[in-house]
Amino acid sequence: MENMNKQHKEEVDIYKKDIETRKVNENKLCEEVEKMRLLCDETAMIERETDARCQHKITEMGALMEKHKNEYDKMVEEKDAELKVYKMKQQKQFSSERALENELSCLKKELSSLKEQLKAEMEEKENLVKEHSGTMIAESEKKHKDCTGPFNASLFNF
């Protein structure tokens, strides 16, 4: 019986020691769990702060993008207005160019007509001069014949 008691006591001691070891392990695990909870809470808080900062940055970026979009839209409107003015000026210049080309064409036709008229008048004048010269030469020869009669011809015979 003593042997049984001793054996029983040894078993109880082993169980007590096992229970004690398990309690120590349980306490360590509880501490670890508590650390994990604190870490999880801290992580959640950091995540919320980060989300808030990100939302703030997103809002700032959205406002900045809207500002740039408005500036870009304004610039596009200005450039469109400049382009419209440029196209109007270009159309006006094109119209002026066409009008000047038409006027030049008319002036060239008029000049050509005047050249033809001048040429015709010069030819007519030359013809008149030739006729007049021909008449003058004929009269001169007639006078010259009259001056070179039989009497005058003997003067030139040596």
C-alpha atoms as a PDB file:
ATOM      1  CA  MET A   1       0.000   0.000   0.000  1.00  0.00           C
ATOM      2  CA  GLU A   2       2.785   2.285   0.770  1.00  0.00           C
ATOM      3  CA  ASN A   3       4.087   1.518  -2.582  1.00  0.00           C
ATOM      4  CA  MET A   4       0.801   2.455  -4.094  1.00  0.00           C
ATOM      5  CA  ASN A   5       0.669   5.573  -2.045  1.00  0.00           C
ATOM      6  CA  LYS A   6       4.128   6.436  -3.161  1.00  0.00           C
ATOM      7  CA  GLN A   7       3.259   5.651  -6.732  1.00  0.00           C
ATOM      8  CA  HIS A   8       0.054   7.644  -6.429  1.00  0.00           C
ATOM      9  CA  LYS A   9       1.932  10.559  -4.905  1.00  0.00           C
ATOM     10  CA  GLU A  10       4.455  10.446  -7.715  1.00  0.00           C
ATOM     11  CA  GLU A  11       1.671  10.457 -10.242  1.00  0.00           C
ATOM     12  CA  VAL A  12       0.013  13.384  -8.468  1.00  0.00           C
ATOM     13  CA  ASP A  13       3.333  15.237  -8.412  1.00  0.00           C
ATOM     14  CA  ILE A  14       3.799  14.555 -12.099  1.00  0.00           C
ATOM     15  CA  TYR A  15       0.263  15.817 -12.729  1.00  0.00           C
ATOM     16  CA  LYS A  16       0.853  18.883 -10.528  1.00  0.00           C
ATOM     17  CA  LYS A  17       4.110  19.574 -12.333  1.00  0.00           C
ATOM     18  CA  ASP A  18       2.356  19.102 -15.673  1.00  0.00           C
ATOM     19  CA  ILE A  19      -0.461  21.424 -14.544  1.00  0.00           C
ATOM     20  CA  GLU A  20       2.080  23.986 -13.358  1.00  0.00           C
ATOM     21  CA  THR A  21       3.940  23.808 -16.690  1.00  0.00           C
ATOM     22  CA  ARG A  22       0.673  24.168 -18.546  1.00  0.00           C
ATOM     23  CA  LYS A  23      -0.329  27.175 -16.432  1.00  0.00           C
ATOM     24  CA  VAL A  24       3.018  28.812 -17.186  1.00  0.00           C
ATOM     25  CA  ASN A  25       2.522  28.090 -20.898  1.00  0.00           C
ATOM     26  CA  GLU A  26      -1.078  29.354 -20.655  1.00  0.00           C
ATOM     27  CA  ASN A  27       0.107  32.590 -19.030  1.00  0.00           C
ATOM     28  CA  LYS A  28       2.763  33.014 -21.719  1.00  0.00           C
ATOM     29  CA  LEU A  29       0.145  32.381 -24.388  1.00  0.00           C
ATOM     30  CA  CYS A  30      -2.252  34.840 -22.727  1.00  0.00           C
ATOM     31  CA  GLU A  31       0.497  37.452 -22.699  1.00  0.00           C
ATOM     32  CA  GLU A  32       1.223  36.691 -26.328  1.00  0.00           C
ATOM     33  CA  VAL A  33      -2.502  36.973 -27.155  1.00  0.00           C
ATOM     34  CA  GLU A  34      -2.646  40.312 -25.303  1.00  0.00           C
ATOM     35  CA  LYS A  35       0.391  41.545 -27.232  1.00  0.00           C
ATOM     36  CA  MET A  36      -1.273  40.442 -30.455  1.00  0.00           C
ATOM     37  CA  ARG A  37      -4.494  42.274 -29.467  1.00  0.00           C
ATOM     38  CA  LEU A  38      -2.549  45.446 -28.722  1.00  0.00           C
ATOM     39  CA  LEU A  39      -0.661  45.082 -31.990  1.00  0.00           C
ATOM     40  CA  CYS A  40      -3.927  44.478 -33.828  1.00  0.00           C
ATOM     41  CA  ASP A  41      -5.516  47.559 -32.187  1.00  0.00           C
ATOM     42  CA  GLU A  42      -2.459  49.639 -33.025  1.00  0.00           C
ATOM     43  CA  THR A  43      -2.501  48.355 -36.608  1.00  0.00           C
ATOM     44  CA  ALA A  44      -6.218  49.136 -36.920  1.00  0.00           C
ATOM     45  CA  MET A  45      -5.611  52.655 -35.570  1.00  0.00           C
ATOM     46  CA  ILE A  46      -2.693  53.182 -38.007  1.00  0.00           C
ATOM     47  CA  GLU A  47      -4.863  51.869 -40.839  1.00  0.00           C
ATOM     48  CA  ARG A  48      -7.658  54.336 -39.939  1.00  0.00           C
ATOM     49  CA  GLU A  49      -5.165  57.216 -39.760  1.00  0.00           C
ATOM     50  CA  THR A  50      -3.625  56.156 -43.066  1.00  0.00           C
ATOM     51  CA  ASP A  51      -7.054  55.878 -44.669  1.00  0.00           C
ATOM     52  CA  ALA A  52      -7.924  59.354 -43.392  1.00  0.00           C
ATOM     53  CA  ARG A  53      -4.649  60.784 -44.733  1.00  0.00           C
ATOM     54  CA  CYS A  54      -5.152  59.006 -48.063  1.00  0.00           C
ATOM     55  CA  GLN A  55      -8.713  60.312 -48.326  1.00  0.00           C
ATOM     56  CA  HIS A  56      -7.412  63.802 -47.573  1.00  0.00           C
ATOM     57  CA  LYS A  57      -4.696  63.441 -50.231  1.00  0.00           C
ATOM     58  CA  ILE A  58      -7.227  62.071 -52.714  1.00  0.00           C
ATOM     59  CA  THR A  59      -9.479  65.057 -52.011  1.00  0.00           C
ATOM     60  CA  GLU A  60      -6.546  67.459 -52.457  1.00  0.00           C
ATOM     61  CA  MET A  61      -5.514  65.747 -55.693  1.00  0.00           C
ATOM     62  CA  GLY A  62      -9.104  65.846 -56.948  1.00  0.00           C
ATOM     63  CA  ALA A  63      -9.304  69.574 -56.217  1.00  0.00           C
ATOM     64  CA  LEU A  64      -5.934  70.133 -57.874  1.00  0.00           C
ATOM     65  CA  MET A  65      -6.994  68.122 -60.904  1.00  0.00           C
ATOM     66  CA  GLU A  66     -10.246  70.099 -61.085  1.00  0.00           C
ATOM     67  CA  LYS A  67      -8.259  73.333 -60.896  1.00  0.00           C
ATOM     68  CA  HIS A  68      -5.938  72.185 -63.678  1.00  0.00           C
ATOM     69  CA  LYS A  69      -8.907  70.980 -65.711  1.00  0.00           C
ATOM     70  CA  ASN A  70     -10.545  74.392 -65.355  1.00  0.00           C
ATOM     71  CA  GLU A  71      -7.293  76.116 -66.339  1.00  0.00           C
ATOM     72  CA  TYR A  72      -6.923  73.755 -69.286  1.00  0.00           C
ATOM     73  CA  ASP A  73     -10.541  74.321 -70.354  1.00  0.00           C
ATOM     74  CA  LYS A  74     -10.005  78.082 -70.120  1.00  0.00           C
ATOM     75  CA  MET A  75      -6.798  77.793 -72.157  1.00  0.00           C
ATOM     76  CA  VAL A  76      -8.593  75.663 -74.764  1.00  0.00           C
ATOM     77  CA  GLU A  77     -11.366  78.271 -74.995  1.00  0.00           C
ATOM     78  CA  GLU A  78      -8.774  81.045 -75.447  1.00  0.00           C
ATOM     79  CA  LYS A  79      -6.946  79.055 -78.118  1.00  0.00           C
ATOM     80  CA  ASP A  80     -10.251  78.300 -79.858  1.00  0.00           C
ATOM     81  CA  ALA A  81     -11.069  82.025 -79.838  1.00  0.00           C
ATOM     82  CA  GLU A  82      -7.606  82.833 -81.211  1.00  0.00           C
ATOM     83  CA  LEU A  83      -8.041  80.174 -83.887  1.00  0.00           C
ATOM     84  CA  LYS A  84     -11.455  81.597 -84.809  1.00  0.00           C
ATOM     85  CA  VAL A  85      -9.963  85.100 -85.147  1.00  0.00           C
ATOM     86  CA  TYR A  86      -7.061  83.684 -87.157  1.00  0.00           C
ATOM     87  CA  LYS A  87      -9.426  81.810 -89.473  1.00  0.00           C
ATOM     88  CA  MET A  88     -11.540  84.950 -89.923  1.00  0.00           C
ATOM     89  CA  LYS A  89      -8.411  86.948 -90.795  1.00  0.00           C
ATOM     90  CA  GLN A  90      -7.268  84.180 -93.109  1.00  0.00           C
ATOM     91  CA  GLN A  91     -10.669  84.143 -94.834  1.00  0.00           C
ATOM     92  CA  LYS A  92     -10.570  87.931 -95.149  1.00  0.00           C
ATOM     93  CA  GLN A  93      -7.061  87.756 -96.621  1.00  0.00           C
ATOM     94  CA  PHE A  94      -8.179  84.996 -98.970  1.00  0.00           C
ATOM     95  CA  SER A  95     -11.100  87.142-100.118  1.00  0.00           C
ATOM     96  CA  SER A  96      -8.810  90.146-100.564  1.00  0.00           C
ATOM     97  CA  GLU A  97      -6.356  87.974-102.480  1.00  0.00           C
ATOM     98  CA  ARG A  98      -9.132  86.750-104.785  1.00  0.00           C
ATOM     99  CA  ALA A  99     -10.342  90.322-105.334  1.00  0.00           C
ATOM    100  CA  LEU A 100      -6.798  91.499-106.095  1.00  0.00           C
ATOM    101  CA  GLU A 101      -6.245  88.547-108.436  1.00  0.00           C
ATOM    102  CA  ASN A 102      -9.479  89.412-110.259  1.00  0.00           C
ATOM    103  CA  GLU A 103      -8.469  93.074-110.453  1.00  0.00           C
ATOM    104  CA  LEU A 104      -5.000  92.071-111.705  1.00  0.00           C
ATOM    105  CA  SER A 105      -6.572  89.822-114.328  1.00  0.00           C
ATOM    106  CA  CYS A 106      -8.799  92.673-115.499  1.00  0.00           C
ATOM    107  CA  LEU A 107      -5.822  95.043-115.591  1.00  0.00           C
ATOM    108  CA  LYS A 108      -3.785  92.496-117.569  1.00  0.00           C
ATOM    109  CA  LYS A 109      -6.634  92.163-120.064  1.00  0.00           C
ATOM    110  CA  GLU A 110      -6.919  95.937-120.284  1.00  0.00           C
ATOM    111  CA  LEU A 111      -3.143  96.262-120.722  1.00  0.00           C
ATOM    112  CA  SER A 112      -3.165  93.602-123.416  1.00  0.00           C
ATOM    113  CA  SER A 113      -6.003  95.400-125.162  1.00  0.00           C
ATOM    114  CA  LEU A 114      -4.149  98.724-124.914  1.00  0.00           C
ATOM    115  CA  LYS A 115      -0.975  97.090-126.289  1.00  0.00           C
ATOM    116  CA  GLU A 116      -2.945  95.731-129.232  1.00  0.00           C
ATOM    117  CA  GLN A 117      -4.534  99.136-129.763  1.00  0.00           C
ATOM    118  CA  LEU A 118      -1.099 100.834-129.550  1.00  0.00           C
ATOM    119  CA  LYS A 119       0.355  98.314-131.986  1.00  0.00           C
ATOM    120  CA  ALA A 120      -2.526  98.907-134.412  1.00  0.00           C
ATOM    121  CA  GLU A 121      -2.158 102.688-134.125  1.00  0.00           C
ATOM    122  CA  MET A 122       1.633 102.468-134.601  1.00  0.00           C
ATOM    123  CA  GLU A 123       1.151 100.302-137.681  1.00  0.00           C
ATOM    124  CA  GLU A 124      -1.407 102.763-138.949  1.00  0.00           C
ATOM    125  CA  LYS A 125       0.996 105.644-138.287  1.00  0.00           C
ATOM    126  CA  GLU A 126       3.826 103.798-140.066  1.00  0.00           C
ATOM    127  CA  ASN A 127       1.537 103.179-143.011  1.00  0.00           C
ATOM    128  CA  LEU A 128       0.607 106.876-143.062  1.00  0.00           C
ATOM    129  CA  VAL A 129       4.276 107.837-142.839  1.00  0.00           C
ATOM    130  CA  LYS A 130       5.123 105.437-145.671  1.00  0.00           C
ATOM    131  CA  GLU A 131       2.263 106.793-147.776  1.00  0.00           C
ATOM    132  CA  HIS A 132       3.295 110.336-147.020  1.00  0.00           C
ATOM    133  CA  SER A 133       6.946 109.504-147.739  1.00  0.00           C
ATOM    134  CA  GLY A 134       5.930 107.787-150.963  1.00  0.00           C
ATOM    135  CA  THR A 135       3.961 110.836-152.006  1.00  0.00           C
ATOM    136  CA  MET A 136       6.834 113.141-151.089  1.00  0.00           C
ATOM    137  CA  ILE A 137       9.339 111.007-153.008  1.00  0.00           C
ATOM    138  CA  ALA A 138       7.063 110.967-156.025  1.00  0.00           C
ATOM    139  CA  GLU A 139       6.697 114.749-155.892  1.00  0.00           C
ATOM    140  CA  SER A 140      10.450 115.120-155.384  1.00  0.00           C
ATOM    141  CA  GLU A 141      11.185 112.935-158.393  1.00  0.00           C
ATOM    142  CA  LYS A 142       8.670 114.874-160.404  1.00  0.00           C
ATOM    143  CA  LYS A 143      10.401 118.126-159.472  1.00  0.00           C
ATOM    144  CA  HIS A 144      13.753 116.562-160.151  1.00  0.00           C
ATOM    145  CA  LYS A 145      12.616 115.510-163.641  1.00  0.00           C
ATOM    146  CA  ASP A 146      11.504 119.002-164.343  1.00  0.00           C
ATOM    147  CA  CYS A 147      14.887 120.346-163.350  1.00  0.00           C
ATOM    148  CA  THR A 148      16.854 117.911-165.489  1.00  0.00           C
ATOM    149  CA  GLY A 149      15.620 118.932-168.902  1.00  0.00           C
ATOM    150  CA  PRO A 150      17.720 118.890-172.130  1.00  0.00           C
ATOM    151  CA  PHE A 151      19.428 122.053-171.171  1.00  0.00           C
ATOM    152  CA  ASN A 152      20.550 121.005-167.825  1.00  0.00           C
ATOM    153  CA  ALA A 153      21.756 117.654-169.027  1.00  0.00           C
ATOM    154  CA  SER A 154      24.322 119.318-171.270  1.00  0.00           C
ATOM    155  CA  LEU A 155      25.837 120.967-168.309  1.00  0.00           C
ATOM    156  CA  PHE A 156      26.887 117.664-166.912  1.00  0.00           C
ATOM    157  CA  ASN A 157      28.483 116.386-170.132  1.00  0.00           C
ATOM    158  CA  PHE A 158      32.185 116.969-170.186  1.00  0.00           C
END
